Amino acid sequence: MTMNKKKLAAATAAVFTYIKTEEETASLAVPDRVQVSGMEVKPNVWGSCGRSDLMQIRNMMQMRVFK
């Protein structure tokens, strides 16, 4: 399958633009710092990921996935 170089360049540019837009959106979704009672606190990514894993395991236990 032969592809025109202009079409390939346009498709590549579109993919890179989409990825860049998604990264910018993701970075805006997570605040860099949070104000808590006058103190600035950075969000703990590892802690939230661990809590998410625990919730998923509990959900799987409720669905009786484990024997």
PDB file of N, CA and C in Angstrom:
ATOM      1  N   MET A   1       0.849  -1.173   0.000  1.00  0.00           N
ATOM      2  CA  MET A   1       0.000   0.000   0.000  1.00  0.00           C
ATOM      3  C   MET A   1       0.895   1.236   0.000  1.00  0.00           C
ATOM      4  N   THR A   2       0.839   2.003  -1.023  1.00  0.00           N
ATOM      5  CA  THR A   2       1.632   3.216  -1.103  1.00  0.00           C
ATOM      6  C   THR A   2       0.789   4.386  -0.612  1.00  0.00           C
ATOM      7  N   MET A   3       1.449   5.254   0.136  1.00  0.00           N
ATOM      8  CA  MET A   3       0.740   6.394   0.694  1.00  0.00           C
ATOM      9  C   MET A   3       1.468   7.672   0.291  1.00  0.00           C
ATOM     10  N   ASN A   4       0.727   8.638  -0.080  1.00  0.00           N
ATOM     11  CA  ASN A   4       1.292   9.919  -0.467  1.00  0.00           C
ATOM     12  C   ASN A   4       2.000  10.542   0.740  1.00  0.00           C
ATOM     13  N   LYS A   5       3.182  11.133   0.534  1.00  0.00           N
ATOM     14  CA  LYS A   5       3.946  11.716   1.636  1.00  0.00           C
ATOM     15  C   LYS A   5       3.188  12.850   2.314  1.00  0.00           C
ATOM     16  N   LYS A   6       2.430  13.620   1.558  1.00  0.00           N
ATOM     17  CA  LYS A   6       1.665  14.719   2.147  1.00  0.00           C
ATOM     18  C   LYS A   6       0.570  14.186   3.063  1.00  0.00           C
ATOM     19  N   LYS A   7      -0.080  13.101   2.640  1.00  0.00           N
ATOM     20  CA  LYS A   7      -1.127  12.502   3.473  1.00  0.00           C
ATOM     21  C   LYS A   7      -0.536  11.917   4.747  1.00  0.00           C
ATOM     22  N   LEU A   8       0.619  11.269   4.635  1.00  0.00           N
ATOM     23  CA  LEU A   8       1.284  10.703   5.799  1.00  0.00           C
ATOM     24  C   LEU A   8       1.697  11.803   6.770  1.00  0.00           C
ATOM     25  N   ALA A   9       2.228  12.905   6.259  1.00  0.00           N
ATOM     26  CA  ALA A   9       2.625  14.026   7.114  1.00  0.00           C
ATOM     27  C   ALA A   9       1.409  14.640   7.797  1.00  0.00           C
ATOM     28  N   ALA A  10       0.309  14.761   7.087  1.00  0.00           N
ATOM     29  CA  ALA A  10      -0.904  15.325   7.670  1.00  0.00           C
ATOM     30  C   ALA A  10      -1.465  14.416   8.762  1.00  0.00           C
ATOM     31  N   ALA A  11      -1.457  13.114   8.516  1.00  0.00           N
ATOM     32  CA  ALA A  11      -1.963  12.172   9.513  1.00  0.00           C
ATOM     33  C   ALA A  11      -1.079  12.173  10.758  1.00  0.00           C
ATOM     34  N   THR A  12       0.229  12.217  10.566  1.00  0.00           N
ATOM     35  CA  THR A  12       1.164  12.250  11.693  1.00  0.00           C
ATOM     36  C   THR A  12       0.983  13.526  12.505  1.00  0.00           C
ATOM     37  N   ALA A  13       0.835  14.646  11.839  1.00  0.00           N
ATOM     38  CA  ALA A  13       0.628  15.914  12.533  1.00  0.00           C
ATOM     39  C   ALA A  13      -0.688  15.894  13.317  1.00  0.00           C
ATOM     40  N   ALA A  14      -1.715  15.279  12.743  1.00  0.00           N
ATOM     41  CA  ALA A  14      -3.000  15.195  13.437  1.00  0.00           C
ATOM     42  C   ALA A  14      -2.892  14.351  14.700  1.00  0.00           C
ATOM     43  N   VAL A  15      -2.158  13.244  14.618  1.00  0.00           N
ATOM     44  CA  VAL A  15      -1.985  12.376  15.791  1.00  0.00           C
ATOM     45  C   VAL A  15      -1.200  13.102  16.872  1.00  0.00           C
ATOM     46  N   PHE A  16      -0.119  13.766  16.508  1.00  0.00           N
ATOM     47  CA  PHE A  16       0.677  14.497  17.495  1.00  0.00           C
ATOM     48  C   PHE A  16      -0.132  15.629  18.132  1.00  0.00           C
ATOM     49  N   THR A  17      -0.937  16.312  17.353  1.00  0.00           N
ATOM     50  CA  THR A  17      -1.775  17.374  17.893  1.00  0.00           C
ATOM     51  C   THR A  17      -2.801  16.811  18.875  1.00  0.00           C
ATOM     52  N   TYR A  18      -3.384  15.683  18.532  1.00  0.00           N
ATOM     53  CA  TYR A  18      -4.356  15.035  19.424  1.00  0.00           C
ATOM     54  C   TYR A  18      -3.700  14.631  20.734  1.00  0.00           C
ATOM     55  N   ILE A  19      -2.519  14.024  20.661  1.00  0.00           N
ATOM     56  CA  ILE A  19      -1.812  13.599  21.873  1.00  0.00           C
ATOM     57  C   ILE A  19      -1.462  14.806  22.733  1.00  0.00           C
ATOM     58  N   LYS A  20      -0.983  15.875  22.113  1.00  0.00           N
ATOM     59  CA  LYS A  20      -0.618  17.085  22.853  1.00  0.00           C
ATOM     60  C   LYS A  20      -1.840  17.680  23.548  1.00  0.00           C
ATOM     61  N   THR A  21      -2.979  17.703  22.859  1.00  0.00           N
ATOM     62  CA  THR A  21      -4.206  18.234  23.435  1.00  0.00           C
ATOM     63  C   THR A  21      -4.661  17.390  24.621  1.00  0.00           C
ATOM     64  N   GLU A  22      -4.572  16.070  24.498  1.00  0.00           N
ATOM     65  CA  GLU A  22      -4.964  15.183  25.593  1.00  0.00           C
ATOM     66  C   GLU A  22      -4.053  15.369  26.800  1.00  0.00           C
ATOM     67  N   GLU A  23      -2.758  15.537  26.583  1.00  0.00           N
ATOM     68  CA  GLU A  23      -1.829  15.752  27.686  1.00  0.00           C
ATOM     69  C   GLU A  23      -2.118  17.074  28.391  1.00  0.00           C
ATOM     70  N   GLU A  24      -2.407  18.118  27.625  1.00  0.00           N
ATOM     71  CA  GLU A  24      -2.727  19.410  28.228  1.00  0.00           C
ATOM     72  C   GLU A  24      -4.011  19.324  29.043  1.00  0.00           C
ATOM     73  N   THR A  25      -4.999  18.615  28.522  1.00  0.00           N
ATOM     74  CA  THR A  25      -6.259  18.454  29.243  1.00  0.00           C
ATOM     75  C   THR A  25      -6.042  17.676  30.527  1.00  0.00           C
ATOM     76  N   ALA A  26      -5.233  16.632  30.475  1.00  0.00           N
ATOM     77  CA  ALA A  26      -4.961  15.824  31.666  1.00  0.00           C
ATOM     78  C   ALA A  26      -4.201  16.630  32.711  1.00  0.00           C
ATOM     79  N   SER A  27      -3.278  17.467  32.275  1.00  0.00           N
ATOM     80  CA  SER A  27      -2.514  18.262  33.235  1.00  0.00           C
ATOM     81  C   SER A  27      -3.384  19.334  33.888  1.00  0.00           C
ATOM     82  N   LEU A  28      -4.400  19.814  33.176  1.00  0.00           N
ATOM     83  CA  LEU A  28      -5.299  20.796  33.770  1.00  0.00           C
ATOM     84  C   LEU A  28      -6.294  20.160  34.727  1.00  0.00           C
ATOM     85  N   ALA A  29      -6.572  18.869  34.548  1.00  0.00           N
ATOM     86  CA  ALA A  29      -7.556  18.185  35.386  1.00  0.00           C
ATOM     87  C   ALA A  29      -7.019  17.966  36.797  1.00  0.00           C
ATOM     88  N   VAL A  30      -5.709  17.754  36.943  1.00  0.00           N
ATOM     89  CA  VAL A  30      -5.105  17.520  38.255  1.00  0.00           C
ATOM     90  C   VAL A  30      -4.472  18.821  38.724  1.00  0.00           C
ATOM     91  N   PRO A  31      -4.974  19.389  39.816  1.00  0.00           N
ATOM     92  CA  PRO A  31      -4.389  20.642  40.292  1.00  0.00           C
ATOM     93  C   PRO A  31      -2.968  20.427  40.789  1.00  0.00           C
ATOM     94  N   ASP A  32      -2.122  21.423  40.562  1.00  0.00           N
ATOM     95  CA  ASP A  32      -0.728  21.327  40.976  1.00  0.00           C
ATOM     96  C   ASP A  32      -0.609  21.423  42.496  1.00  0.00           C
ATOM     97  N   ARG A  33      -1.411  22.285  43.092  1.00  0.00           N
ATOM     98  CA  ARG A  33      -1.426  22.436  44.545  1.00  0.00           C
ATOM     99  C   ARG A  33      -2.864  22.677  44.994  1.00  0.00           C
ATOM    100  N   VAL A  34      -3.161  22.295  46.229  1.00  0.00           N
ATOM    101  CA  VAL A  34      -4.504  22.440  46.777  1.00  0.00           C
ATOM    102  C   VAL A  34      -4.415  23.245  48.067  1.00  0.00           C
ATOM    103  N   GLN A  35      -5.327  24.186  48.247  1.00  0.00           N
ATOM    104  CA  GLN A  35      -5.373  24.981  49.470  1.00  0.00           C
ATOM    105  C   GLN A  35      -6.203  24.250  50.516  1.00  0.00           C
ATOM    106  N   VAL A  36      -5.590  23.920  51.660  1.00  0.00           N
ATOM    107  CA  VAL A  36      -6.310  23.280  52.761  1.00  0.00           C
ATOM    108  C   VAL A  36      -6.022  24.079  54.015  1.00  0.00           C
ATOM    109  N   SER A  37      -7.039  24.750  54.530  1.00  0.00           N
ATOM    110  CA  SER A  37      -6.955  25.563  55.751  1.00  0.00           C
ATOM    111  C   SER A  37      -5.689  26.423  55.791  1.00  0.00           C
ATOM    112  N   GLY A  38      -5.465  27.163  54.711  1.00  0.00           N
ATOM    113  CA  GLY A  38      -4.353  28.098  54.663  1.00  0.00           C
ATOM    114  C   GLY A  38      -3.025  27.494  54.243  1.00  0.00           C
ATOM    115  N   MET A  39      -2.946  26.188  54.090  1.00  0.00           N
ATOM    116  CA  MET A  39      -1.694  25.538  53.695  1.00  0.00           C
ATOM    117  C   MET A  39      -1.819  25.010  52.270  1.00  0.00           C
ATOM    118  N   GLU A  40      -0.725  25.069  51.531  1.00  0.00           N
ATOM    119  CA  GLU A  40      -0.722  24.493  50.188  1.00  0.00           C
ATOM    120  C   GLU A  40      -0.250  23.047  50.283  1.00  0.00           C
ATOM    121  N   VAL A  41      -1.034  22.141  49.731  1.00  0.00           N
ATOM    122  CA  VAL A  41      -0.711  20.718  49.781  1.00  0.00           C
ATOM    123  C   VAL A  41      -0.695  20.173  48.358  1.00  0.00           C
ATOM    124  N   LYS A  42       0.360  19.446  48.001  1.00  0.00           N
ATOM    125  CA  LYS A  42       0.417  18.809  46.686  1.00  0.00           C
ATOM    126  C   LYS A  42      -0.393  17.522  46.740  1.00  0.00           C
ATOM    127  N   PRO A  43      -1.138  17.210  45.684  1.00  0.00           N
ATOM    128  CA  PRO A  43      -1.889  15.950  45.678  1.00  0.00           C
ATOM    129  C   PRO A  43      -0.942  14.753  45.647  1.00  0.00           C
ATOM    130  N   ASN A  44      -1.275  13.725  46.410  1.00  0.00           N
ATOM    131  CA  ASN A  44      -0.458  12.529  46.501  1.00  0.00           C
ATOM    132  C   ASN A  44      -0.933  11.528  45.456  1.00  0.00           C
ATOM    133  N   VAL A  45      -0.206  11.432  44.356  1.00  0.00           N
ATOM    134  CA  VAL A  45      -0.603  10.564  43.252  1.00  0.00           C
ATOM    135  C   VAL A  45      -0.500   9.100  43.665  1.00  0.00           C
ATOM    136  N   TRP A  46       0.572   8.732  44.371  1.00  0.00           N
ATOM    137  CA  TRP A  46       0.746   7.338  44.782  1.00  0.00           C
ATOM    138  C   TRP A  46      -0.351   6.918  45.747  1.00  0.00           C
ATOM    139  N   GLY A  47      -0.734   7.796  46.649  1.00  0.00           N
ATOM    140  CA  GLY A  47      -1.792   7.467  47.608  1.00  0.00           C
ATOM    141  C   GLY A  47      -3.129   7.268  46.929  1.00  0.00           C
ATOM    142  N   SER A  48      -3.463   8.151  45.992  1.00  0.00           N
ATOM    143  CA  SER A  48      -4.751   8.014  45.306  1.00  0.00           C
ATOM    144  C   SER A  48      -4.767   6.774  44.428  1.00  0.00           C
ATOM    145  N   CYS A  49      -3.631   6.418  43.839  1.00  0.00           N
ATOM    146  CA  CYS A  49      -3.551   5.210  43.015  1.00  0.00           C
ATOM    147  C   CYS A  49      -3.725   3.964  43.892  1.00  0.00           C
ATOM    148  N   GLY A  50      -3.122   3.968  45.078  1.00  0.00           N
ATOM    149  CA  GLY A  50      -3.269   2.839  45.998  1.00  0.00           C
ATOM    150  C   GLY A  50      -4.696   2.681  46.469  1.00  0.00           C
ATOM    151  N   ARG A  51      -5.344   3.804  46.789  1.00  0.00           N
ATOM    152  CA  ARG A  51      -6.748   3.737  47.218  1.00  0.00           C
ATOM    153  C   ARG A  51      -7.637   3.223  46.101  1.00  0.00           C
ATOM    154  N   SER A  52      -7.337   3.621  44.877  1.00  0.00           N
ATOM    155  CA  SER A  52      -8.105   3.143  43.732  1.00  0.00           C
ATOM    156  C   SER A  52      -7.944   1.633  43.574  1.00  0.00           C
ATOM    157  N   ASP A  53      -6.715   1.134  43.751  1.00  0.00           N
ATOM    158  CA  ASP A  53      -6.486  -0.310  43.666  1.00  0.00           C
ATOM    159  C   ASP A  53      -7.242  -1.056  44.757  1.00  0.00           C
ATOM    160  N   LEU A  54      -7.229  -0.520  45.965  1.00  0.00           N
ATOM    161  CA  LEU A  54      -7.961  -1.163  47.056  1.00  0.00           C
ATOM    162  C   LEU A  54      -9.456  -1.217  46.773  1.00  0.00           C
ATOM    163  N   MET A  55     -10.011  -0.131  46.241  1.00  0.00           N
ATOM    164  CA  MET A  55     -11.439  -0.125  45.915  1.00  0.00           C
ATOM    165  C   MET A  55     -11.750  -1.155  44.829  1.00  0.00           C
ATOM    166  N   GLN A  56     -10.848  -1.285  43.859  1.00  0.00           N
ATOM    167  CA  GLN A  56     -11.066  -2.254  42.792  1.00  0.00           C
ATOM    168  C   GLN A  56     -11.013  -3.676  43.339  1.00  0.00           C
ATOM    169  N   ILE A  57     -10.079  -3.964  44.243  1.00  0.00           N
ATOM    170  CA  ILE A  57      -9.988  -5.298  44.836  1.00  0.00           C
ATOM    171  C   ILE A  57     -11.239  -5.606  45.646  1.00  0.00           C
ATOM    172  N   ARG A  58     -11.711  -4.631  46.427  1.00  0.00           N
ATOM    173  CA  ARG A  58     -12.933  -4.845  47.212  1.00  0.00           C
ATOM    174  C   ARG A  58     -14.124  -5.113  46.307  1.00  0.00           C
ATOM    175  N   ASN A  59     -14.200  -4.387  45.203  1.00  0.00           N
ATOM    176  CA  ASN A  59     -15.282  -4.599  44.253  1.00  0.00           C
ATOM    177  C   ASN A  59     -15.214  -6.010  43.668  1.00  0.00           C
ATOM    178  N   MET A  60     -14.000  -6.463  43.336  1.00  0.00           N
ATOM    179  CA  MET A  60     -13.851  -7.816  42.797  1.00  0.00           C
ATOM    180  C   MET A  60     -14.209  -8.866  43.829  1.00  0.00           C
ATOM    181  N   MET A  61     -13.904  -8.602  45.095  1.00  0.00           N
ATOM    182  CA  MET A  61     -14.289  -9.546  46.149  1.00  0.00           C
ATOM    183  C   MET A  61     -15.794  -9.611  46.296  1.00  0.00           C
ATOM    184  N   GLN A  62     -16.468  -8.480  46.156  1.00  0.00           N
ATOM    185  CA  GLN A  62     -17.927  -8.461  46.249  1.00  0.00           C
ATOM    186  C   GLN A  62     -18.560  -9.207  45.087  1.00  0.00           C
ATOM    187  N   MET A  63     -17.912  -9.176  43.927  1.00  0.00           N
ATOM    188  CA  MET A  63     -18.427  -9.902  42.773  1.00  0.00           C
ATOM    189  C   MET A  63     -18.024 -11.387  42.821  1.00  0.00           C
ATOM    190  N   ARG A  64     -17.315 -11.766  43.875  1.00  0.00           N
ATOM    191  CA  ARG A  64     -16.868 -13.144  44.090  1.00  0.00           C
ATOM    192  C   ARG A  64     -15.993 -13.644  42.940  1.00  0.00           C
ATOM    193  N   VAL A  65     -15.045 -12.815  42.545  1.00  0.00           N
ATOM    194  CA  VAL A  65     -14.100 -13.192  41.492  1.00  0.00           C
ATOM    195  C   VAL A  65     -13.082 -14.166  42.058  1.00  0.00           C
ATOM    196  N   PHE A  66     -12.694 -13.933  43.317  1.00  0.00           N
ATOM    197  CA  PHE A  66     -11.674 -14.785  43.958  1.00  0.00           C
ATOM    198  C   PHE A  66     -12.353 -15.984  44.604  1.00  0.00           C
ATOM    199  N   LYS A  67     -11.687 -17.115  44.561  1.00  0.00           N
ATOM    200  CA  LYS A  67     -12.255 -18.330  45.171  1.00  0.00           C
ATOM    201  C   LYS A  67     -11.518 -18.652  46.457  1.00  0.00           C
TER     202      LYS A  67
END
